[in-house]
C-alpha atoms as a PDB file:
ATOM      1  CA  MET A   1     -56.595 -93.011 -51.457  1.00  0.00           C
ATOM      2  CA  ARG A   2     -53.967 -93.101 -48.719  1.00  0.00           C
ATOM      3  CA  ILE A   3     -53.014 -95.532 -46.003  1.00  0.00           C
ATOM      4  CA  ALA A   4     -51.595 -94.998 -42.515  1.00  0.00           C
ATOM      5  CA  PHE A   5     -49.983 -97.706 -40.388  1.00  0.00           C
ATOM      6  CA  HIS A   6     -49.400 -97.478 -36.651  1.00  0.00           C
ATOM      7  CA  ALA A   7     -48.807 -99.850 -33.765  1.00  0.00           C
ATOM      8  CA  LEU A   8     -51.146 -98.151 -31.265  1.00  0.00           C
ATOM      9  CA  PRO A   9     -54.889 -97.413 -31.600  1.00  0.00           C
ATOM     10  CA  ALA A  10     -54.904 -94.004 -29.892  1.00  0.00           C
ATOM     11  CA  GLU A  11     -54.041 -91.998 -33.006  1.00  0.00           C
ATOM     12  CA  ALA A  12     -57.034 -93.324 -34.944  1.00  0.00           C
ATOM     13  CA  ALA A  13     -59.421 -92.352 -32.151  1.00  0.00           C
ATOM     14  CA  LEU A  14     -58.046 -88.798 -32.050  1.00  0.00           C
ATOM     15  CA  LEU A  15     -57.998 -88.194 -35.804  1.00  0.00           C
ATOM     16  CA  ARG A  16     -59.985 -85.327 -37.323  1.00  0.00           C
ATOM     17  CA  ALA A  17     -59.854 -85.301 -41.120  1.00  0.00           C
ATOM     18  CA  PRO A  18     -62.564 -83.144 -42.759  1.00  0.00           C
ATOM     19  CA  GLY A  19     -63.237 -84.211 -46.336  1.00  0.00           C
ATOM     20  CA  TRP A  20     -61.734 -87.665 -45.834  1.00  0.00           C
ATOM     21  CA  THR A  21     -63.497 -90.961 -45.260  1.00  0.00           C
ATOM     22  CA  ILE A  22     -61.708 -93.027 -42.606  1.00  0.00           C
ATOM     23  CA  ARG A  23     -61.738 -96.803 -43.120  1.00  0.00           C
ATOM     24  CA  ASP A  24     -60.552 -99.524 -40.761  1.00  0.00           C
ATOM     25  CA  GLY A  25     -57.923-101.667 -42.439  1.00  0.00           C
ATOM     26  CA  ARG A  26     -59.297-104.812 -40.780  1.00  0.00           C
ATOM     27  CA  SER A  27     -62.666-104.635 -42.590  1.00  0.00           C
ATOM     28  CA  LEU A  28     -62.177-103.264 -46.074  1.00  0.00           C
ATOM     29  CA  GLY A  29     -64.022-105.734 -48.282  1.00  0.00           C
ATOM     30  CA  THR A  30     -63.076-106.032 -51.947  1.00  0.00           C
ATOM     31  CA  VAL A  31     -64.515-102.932 -53.629  1.00  0.00           C
ATOM     32  CA  PRO A  32     -62.192 -99.902 -53.558  1.00  0.00           C
ATOM     33  CA  PRO A  33     -63.714 -96.588 -52.455  1.00  0.00           C
ATOM     34  CA  THR A  34     -64.271 -93.802 -54.967  1.00  0.00           C
ATOM     35  CA  SER A  35     -63.995 -90.834 -52.555  1.00  0.00           C
ATOM     36  CA  LYS A  36     -60.950 -89.436 -50.700  1.00  0.00           C
ATOM     37  CA  THR A  37     -60.232 -92.235 -48.252  1.00  0.00           C
ATOM     38  CA  LEU A  38     -57.704 -92.898 -45.526  1.00  0.00           C
ATOM     39  CA  VAL A  39     -57.251 -96.535 -44.574  1.00  0.00           C
ATOM     40  CA  GLN A  40     -56.065 -96.863 -40.954  1.00  0.00           C
ATOM     41  CA  VAL A  41     -54.137-100.048 -40.134  1.00  0.00           C
ATOM     42  CA  GLN A  42     -53.335-100.865 -36.515  1.00  0.00           C
ATOM     43  CA  THR A  43     -50.444-103.270 -36.949  1.00  0.00           C
ATOM     44  CA  GLY A  44     -49.788-104.355 -33.399  1.00  0.00           C
ATOM     45  CA  VAL A  45     -46.228-104.522 -32.097  1.00  0.00           C
ATOM     46  CA  GLY A  46     -43.459-106.277 -34.008  1.00  0.00           C
ATOM     47  CA  SER A  47     -42.354-107.035 -37.542  1.00  0.00           C
ATOM     48  CA  ALA A  48     -44.362-110.244 -37.969  1.00  0.00           C
ATOM     49  CA  LYS A  49     -47.668-108.529 -37.163  1.00  0.00           C
ATOM     50  CA  ALA A  50     -46.776-105.532 -39.328  1.00  0.00           C
ATOM     51  CA  ARG A  51     -45.890-107.767 -42.275  1.00  0.00           C
ATOM     52  CA  ARG A  52     -49.160-109.709 -41.982  1.00  0.00           C
ATOM     53  CA  CYS A  53     -51.153-106.461 -41.972  1.00  0.00           C
ATOM     54  CA  ALA A  54     -49.397-105.170 -45.069  1.00  0.00           C
ATOM     55  CA  HIS A  55     -49.829-108.407 -47.005  1.00  0.00           C
ATOM     56  CA  ALA A  56     -53.521-108.593 -46.052  1.00  0.00           C
ATOM     57  CA  LEU A  57     -54.326-105.305 -47.777  1.00  0.00           C
ATOM     58  CA  PRO A  58     -56.428-105.542 -50.940  1.00  0.00           C
ATOM     59  CA  PRO A  59     -54.691-104.647 -54.227  1.00  0.00           C
ATOM     60  CA  TRP A  60     -56.103-101.128 -54.308  1.00  0.00           C
ATOM     61  CA  PRO A  61     -54.253 -98.195 -55.908  1.00  0.00           C
ATOM     62  CA  PHE A  62     -52.905 -96.470 -52.784  1.00  0.00           C
ATOM     63  CA  GLU A  63     -51.247 -93.172 -53.682  1.00  0.00           C
ATOM     64  CA  GLY A  64     -49.193 -92.943 -50.510  1.00  0.00           C
ATOM     65  CA  ALA A  65     -48.542 -94.592 -47.149  1.00  0.00           C
ATOM     66  CA  LEU A  66     -47.557 -93.100 -43.806  1.00  0.00           C
ATOM     67  CA  LEU A  67     -45.767 -95.344 -41.317  1.00  0.00           C
ATOM     68  CA  GLY A  68     -46.504 -93.786 -37.939  1.00  0.00           C
ATOM     69  CA  GLY A  69     -46.526 -94.673 -34.258  1.00  0.00           C
ATOM     70  CA  PHE A  70     -43.732 -94.291 -31.707  1.00  0.00           C
ATOM     71  CA  ALA A  71     -39.945 -94.652 -31.823  1.00  0.00           C
ATOM     72  CA  GLY A  72     -37.131 -94.744 -29.290  1.00  0.00           C
ATOM     73  CA  ALA A  73     -34.181 -92.376 -29.513  1.00  0.00           C
ATOM     74  CA  LEU A  74     -30.670 -93.747 -30.085  1.00  0.00           C
ATOM     75  CA  ASP A  75     -29.088 -90.329 -30.575  1.00  0.00           C
ATOM     76  CA  GLU A  76     -28.496 -88.507 -27.278  1.00  0.00           C
ATOM     77  CA  GLU A  77     -29.680 -85.213 -28.833  1.00  0.00           C
ATOM     78  CA  LEU A  78     -33.015 -86.586 -30.056  1.00  0.00           C
ATOM     79  CA  GLU A  79     -35.719 -85.298 -27.717  1.00  0.00           C
ATOM     80  CA  ALA A  80     -38.974 -86.976 -26.725  1.00  0.00           C
ATOM     81  CA  GLY A  81     -41.941 -85.551 -28.631  1.00  0.00           C
ATOM     82  CA  THR A  82     -39.971 -84.985 -31.828  1.00  0.00           C
ATOM     83  CA  VAL A  83     -41.483 -86.081 -35.142  1.00  0.00           C
ATOM     84  CA  PHE A  84     -38.746 -88.381 -36.433  1.00  0.00           C
ATOM     85  CA  VAL A  85     -38.795 -88.612 -40.237  1.00  0.00           C
ATOM     86  CA  ALA A  86     -36.672 -91.455 -41.565  1.00  0.00           C
ATOM     87  CA  ASP A  87     -34.569 -90.905 -44.672  1.00  0.00           C
ATOM     88  CA  ARG A  88     -33.375 -94.521 -44.417  1.00  0.00           C
ATOM     89  CA  VAL A  89     -34.998 -97.537 -42.791  1.00  0.00           C
ATOM     90  CA  LEU A  90     -32.695-100.422 -41.842  1.00  0.00           C
ATOM     91  CA  ASP A  91     -32.905-103.874 -40.384  1.00  0.00           C
ATOM     92  CA  GLU A  92     -30.121-105.280 -38.228  1.00  0.00           C
ATOM     93  CA  SER A  93     -28.541-107.117 -41.154  1.00  0.00           C
ATOM     94  CA  GLY A  94     -27.963-103.794 -42.905  1.00  0.00           C
ATOM     95  CA  ARG A  95     -30.661-104.030 -45.564  1.00  0.00           C
ATOM     96  CA  ALA A  96     -32.105-100.583 -46.252  1.00  0.00           C
ATOM     97  CA  TYR A  97     -34.952 -98.709 -47.908  1.00  0.00           C
ATOM     98  CA  GLU A  98     -35.079 -94.997 -48.665  1.00  0.00           C
ATOM     99  CA  PRO A  99     -38.667 -93.787 -48.176  1.00  0.00           C
ATOM    100  CA  PRO A 100     -39.812 -91.789 -51.234  1.00  0.00           C
ATOM    101  CA  LEU A 101     -41.889 -89.328 -49.171  1.00  0.00           C
ATOM    102  CA  THR A 102     -39.188 -88.256 -46.699  1.00  0.00           C
ATOM    103  CA  SER A 103     -38.799 -84.633 -47.811  1.00  0.00           C
ATOM    104  CA  LEU A 104     -42.543 -84.164 -48.095  1.00  0.00           C
ATOM    105  CA  LEU A 105     -43.147 -85.425 -44.551  1.00  0.00           C
ATOM    106  CA  GLU A 106     -40.369 -83.251 -43.163  1.00  0.00           C
ATOM    107  CA  ASP A 107     -41.991 -80.231 -44.828  1.00  0.00           C
ATOM    108  CA  VAL A 108     -45.425 -81.229 -43.502  1.00  0.00           C
ATOM    109  CA  ALA A 109     -44.110 -81.295 -39.922  1.00  0.00           C
ATOM    110  CA  THR A 110     -42.339 -77.961 -40.344  1.00  0.00           C
ATOM    111  CA  ARG A 111     -45.411 -76.227 -41.766  1.00  0.00           C
ATOM    112  CA  ALA A 112     -47.549 -77.694 -38.959  1.00  0.00           C
ATOM    113  CA  GLY A 113     -45.196 -76.146 -36.374  1.00  0.00           C
ATOM    114  CA  LEU A 114     -44.084 -79.510 -35.006  1.00  0.00           C
ATOM    115  CA  PRO A 115     -40.528 -80.286 -33.852  1.00  0.00           C
ATOM    116  CA  VAL A 116     -39.000 -82.475 -36.548  1.00  0.00           C
ATOM    117  CA  ARG A 117     -35.750 -84.358 -37.032  1.00  0.00           C
ATOM    118  CA  ARG A 118     -34.617 -86.318 -40.066  1.00  0.00           C
ATOM    119  CA  GLY A 119     -32.335 -89.348 -39.779  1.00  0.00           C
ATOM    120  CA  VAL A 120     -31.806 -93.112 -39.926  1.00  0.00           C
ATOM    121  CA  LEU A 121     -34.274 -95.555 -38.333  1.00  0.00           C
ATOM    122  CA  VAL A 122     -33.454 -99.179 -37.505  1.00  0.00           C
ATOM    123  CA  SER A 123     -36.160-101.792 -36.931  1.00  0.00           C
ATOM    124  CA  VAL A 124     -35.434-104.622 -34.485  1.00  0.00           C
ATOM    125  CA  ASP A 125     -37.347-107.664 -33.227  1.00  0.00           C
ATOM    126  CA  ARG A 126     -37.165-106.859 -29.505  1.00  0.00           C
ATOM    127  CA  VAL A 127     -37.668-103.988 -27.074  1.00  0.00           C
ATOM    128  CA  VAL A 128     -34.370-102.086 -26.728  1.00  0.00           C
ATOM    129  CA  SER A 129     -34.837-101.681 -23.027  1.00  0.00           C
ATOM    130  CA  ASP A 130     -32.006 -99.611 -21.549  1.00  0.00           C
ATOM    131  CA  ALA A 131     -29.430 -96.947 -22.282  1.00  0.00           C
ATOM    132  CA  VAL A 132     -26.585 -99.456 -22.671  1.00  0.00           C
ATOM    133  CA  ALA A 133     -28.499-101.487 -25.279  1.00  0.00           C
ATOM    134  CA  LYS A 134     -29.400 -98.278 -27.094  1.00  0.00           C
ATOM    135  CA  ARG A 135     -25.770 -97.172 -27.269  1.00  0.00           C
ATOM    136  CA  GLU A 136     -24.732-100.583 -28.592  1.00  0.00           C
ATOM    137  CA  LEU A 137     -27.449-100.532 -31.246  1.00  0.00           C
ATOM    138  CA  ALA A 138     -26.549 -96.981 -32.281  1.00  0.00           C
ATOM    139  CA  ALA A 139     -22.901 -98.000 -32.680  1.00  0.00           C
ATOM    140  CA  SER A 140     -23.645-101.174 -34.654  1.00  0.00           C
ATOM    141  CA  SER A 141     -26.320 -99.706 -36.944  1.00  0.00           C
ATOM    142  CA  GLY A 142     -25.443 -96.021 -37.253  1.00  0.00           C
ATOM    143  CA  ALA A 143     -29.120 -95.265 -36.643  1.00  0.00           C
ATOM    144  CA  ASP A 144     -30.620 -92.308 -34.783  1.00  0.00           C
ATOM    145  CA  ALA A 145     -33.870 -94.004 -33.677  1.00  0.00           C
ATOM    146  CA  VAL A 146     -35.383 -97.464 -33.305  1.00  0.00           C
ATOM    147  CA  ASP A 147     -38.744 -99.147 -33.762  1.00  0.00           C
ATOM    148  CA  MET A 148     -40.066-102.665 -34.423  1.00  0.00           C
ATOM    149  CA  GLU A 149     -42.317-102.382 -37.497  1.00  0.00           C
ATOM    150  CA  SER A 150     -41.132 -99.910 -40.136  1.00  0.00           C
ATOM    151  CA  PHE A 151     -38.670-102.102 -42.048  1.00  0.00           C
ATOM    152  CA  ALA A 152     -41.225-104.893 -42.525  1.00  0.00           C
ATOM    153  CA  LEU A 153     -43.814-102.387 -43.733  1.00  0.00           C
ATOM    154  CA  ALA A 154     -41.315-100.655 -46.029  1.00  0.00           C
ATOM    155  CA  GLU A 155     -40.373-103.993 -47.574  1.00  0.00           C
ATOM    156  CA  ALA A 156     -44.009-104.906 -48.259  1.00  0.00           C
ATOM    157  CA  LEU A 157     -44.945-101.478 -49.640  1.00  0.00           C
ATOM    158  CA  ALA A 158     -41.870-101.267 -51.867  1.00  0.00           C
ATOM    159  CA  ALA A 159     -42.812-104.637 -53.352  1.00  0.00           C
ATOM    160  CA  ARG A 160     -46.205-103.158 -54.227  1.00  0.00           C
ATOM    161  CA  ASP A 161     -44.653 -99.941 -55.579  1.00  0.00           C
ATOM    162  CA  VAL A 162     -46.549 -97.800 -53.046  1.00  0.00           C
ATOM    163  CA  ALA A 163     -44.817 -94.518 -52.172  1.00  0.00           C
ATOM    164  CA  PHE A 164     -44.318 -94.363 -48.408  1.00  0.00           C
ATOM    165  CA  GLY A 165     -42.756 -92.287 -45.672  1.00  0.00           C
ATOM    166  CA  VAL A 166     -41.935 -92.865 -42.016  1.00  0.00           C
ATOM    167  CA  ALA A 167     -42.833 -90.275 -39.372  1.00  0.00           C
ATOM    168  CA  ARG A 168     -42.800 -91.550 -35.789  1.00  0.00           C
ATOM    169  CA  ILE A 169     -43.072 -89.660 -32.526  1.00  0.00           C
ATOM    170  CA  VAL A 170     -40.059 -90.147 -30.234  1.00  0.00           C
ATOM    171  CA  LEU A 171     -41.323 -91.577 -26.937  1.00  0.00           C
ATOM    172  CA  ASP A 172     -38.171 -92.378 -24.956  1.00  0.00           C
ATOM    173  CA  ARG A 173     -34.793 -90.649 -24.977  1.00  0.00           C
ATOM    174  CA  ALA A 174     -31.531 -92.511 -25.537  1.00  0.00           C
ATOM    175  CA  SER A 175     -30.700 -92.232 -21.831  1.00  0.00           C
ATOM    176  CA  GLU A 176     -34.036 -93.676 -20.653  1.00  0.00           C
ATOM    177  CA  SER A 177     -34.925 -97.295 -19.961  1.00  0.00           C
ATOM    178  CA  LEU A 178     -38.070 -99.243 -20.841  1.00  0.00           C
ATOM    179  CA  PRO A 179     -39.538-102.449 -19.395  1.00  0.00           C
ATOM    180  CA  VAL A 180     -38.091-105.399 -21.329  1.00  0.00           C
ATOM    181  CA  GLY A 181     -41.570-106.522 -22.382  1.00  0.00           C
ATOM    182  CA  GLY A 182     -42.599-102.988 -23.277  1.00  0.00           C
ATOM    183  CA  SER A 183     -45.773-103.124 -21.178  1.00  0.00           C
ATOM    184  CA  ALA A 184     -47.120-102.041 -17.800  1.00  0.00           C
ATOM    185  CA  ARG A 185     -47.293-105.696 -16.696  1.00  0.00           C
ATOM    186  CA  SER A 186     -43.626-106.277 -17.483  1.00  0.00           C
ATOM    187  CA  ALA A 187     -42.748-103.000 -15.742  1.00  0.00           C
ATOM    188  CA  LEU A 188     -44.395-104.201 -12.527  1.00  0.00           C
ATOM    189  CA  ALA A 189     -42.694-107.591 -12.809  1.00  0.00           C
ATOM    190  CA  GLU A 190     -39.299-105.972 -13.226  1.00  0.00           C
ATOM    191  CA  LEU A 191     -39.987-103.614 -10.341  1.00  0.00           C
ATOM    192  CA  GLY A 192     -40.727-106.624  -8.143  1.00  0.00           C
ATOM    193  CA  ARG A 193     -37.379-108.130  -9.038  1.00  0.00           C
ATOM    194  CA  SER A 194     -35.263-104.983  -8.829  1.00  0.00           C
ATOM    195  CA  ARG A 195     -37.166-103.043  -6.141  1.00  0.00           C
ATOM    196  CA  SER A 196     -35.954 -99.921  -7.916  1.00  0.00           C
ATOM    197  CA  LEU A 197     -38.100 -96.871  -7.242  1.00  0.00           C
ATOM    198  CA  GLY A 198     -36.000 -94.930  -9.764  1.00  0.00           C
ATOM    199  CA  SER A 199     -36.946 -97.394 -12.512  1.00  0.00           C
ATOM    200  CA  LEU A 200     -40.634 -97.080 -11.662  1.00  0.00           C
ATOM    201  CA  ILE A 201     -40.474 -93.286 -11.724  1.00  0.00           C
ATOM    202  CA  GLY A 202     -38.746 -93.406 -15.108  1.00  0.00           C
ATOM    203  CA  TRP A 203     -41.337 -95.765 -16.589  1.00  0.00           C
ATOM    204  CA  VAL A 204     -44.204 -93.654 -15.229  1.00  0.00           C
ATOM    205  CA  ARG A 205     -42.611 -90.572 -16.793  1.00  0.00           C
ATOM    206  CA  ILE A 206     -42.442 -92.270 -20.199  1.00  0.00           C
ATOM    207  CA  GLY A 207     -45.956 -93.666 -19.828  1.00  0.00           C
ATOM    208  CA  ALA A 208     -47.282 -90.166 -19.198  1.00  0.00           C
ATOM    209  CA  ARG A 209     -46.029 -89.169 -22.654  1.00  0.00           C
ATOM    210  CA  VAL A 210     -48.092 -91.746 -24.521  1.00  0.00           C
ATOM    211  CA  ARG A 211     -51.334 -89.790 -24.843  1.00  0.00           C
ATOM    212  CA  PRO A 212     -49.746 -86.401 -25.705  1.00  0.00           C
ATOM    213  CA  SER A 213     -47.483 -88.181 -28.191  1.00  0.00           C
ATOM    214  CA  ALA A 214     -50.493 -89.893 -29.773  1.00  0.00           C
ATOM    215  CA  ARG A 215     -52.184 -86.505 -30.078  1.00  0.00           C
ATOM    216  CA  ARG A 216     -49.071 -85.160 -31.800  1.00  0.00           C
ATOM    217  CA  GLY A 217     -49.117 -88.140 -34.157  1.00  0.00           C
ATOM    218  CA  ALA A 218     -52.764 -87.444 -34.996  1.00  0.00           C
ATOM    219  CA  ARG A 219     -51.964 -83.776 -35.599  1.00  0.00           C
ATOM    220  CA  PHE A 220     -49.202 -84.760 -37.994  1.00  0.00           C
ATOM    221  CA  LEU A 221     -51.469 -87.206 -39.822  1.00  0.00           C
ATOM    222  CA  GLU A 222     -54.107 -84.508 -40.214  1.00  0.00           C
ATOM    223  CA  ALA A 223     -51.477 -82.175 -41.682  1.00  0.00           C
ATOM    224  CA  TRP A 224     -50.392 -84.876 -44.140  1.00  0.00           C
ATOM    225  CA  LEU A 225     -53.967 -85.370 -45.283  1.00  0.00           C
ATOM    226  CA  SER A 226     -54.355 -81.644 -45.909  1.00  0.00           C
ATOM    227  CA  GLU A 227     -51.379 -81.606 -48.318  1.00  0.00           C
ATOM    228  CA  SER A 228     -52.220 -81.396 -52.016  1.00  0.00           C
ATOM    229  CA  ARG A 229     -51.843 -84.417 -54.273  1.00  0.00           C
ATOM    230  CA  THR A 230     -49.677 -82.267 -56.548  1.00  0.00           C
ATOM    231  CA  ALA A 231     -47.063 -81.856 -53.777  1.00  0.00           C
ATOM    232  CA  GLU A 232     -47.054 -85.566 -53.074  1.00  0.00           C
ATOM    233  CA  ALA A 233     -46.692 -86.472 -56.743  1.00  0.00           C
ATOM    234  CA  ALA A 234     -43.706 -84.128 -57.048  1.00  0.00           C
ATOM    235  CA  GLU A 235     -41.980 -85.925 -54.167  1.00  0.00           C
ATOM    236  CA  SER A 236     -42.548 -89.476 -55.420  1.00  0.00           C
END
């Protein structure tokens, strides 16, 4: 039995996993399944929501966990659409986890023909909204990419001794800006204040990547599910 976490619901809707039963992490009950099962957990955005989701899971014997969703680039050479596989997950205080399934996930992406990059991921409690903030975070953390959930999930899974890996699709480049609130509503509010057509065009460009990036995330998840248990056991 495996588990996949993500902040957005689109990947679950797109998933095709022959031979696997897909379960919603919000309605699991108490009896563990006996067949090959993937538990999908939509965490919502932010560390607090991610932590609550992880702690709400029943004490089932999960053989592996995939921490998916989107990430923002901090490295100037990290392109949008890349599968970013974290070999270290940090918080801003410098605490770190090394995901046990890193090499396996990198190999999965390579065999699936997906662009993949391995590096350091930092989790923060806010939207890193512009190129200046990204450069500052890269300098202070040494990270290549940023998200808001992976460290909290890694902490909870490590406490349960569940092998996990992080593979997130890069949505925005290091040089690109996001709305501070990370939503279409906040984008419109900021546009009203700044009257910047360039900002709107940039946010529309990033927004147009969401669905194709979700499809790429689903494709990666399908590839992970097709891997043999023997390969996963060798990695952990």
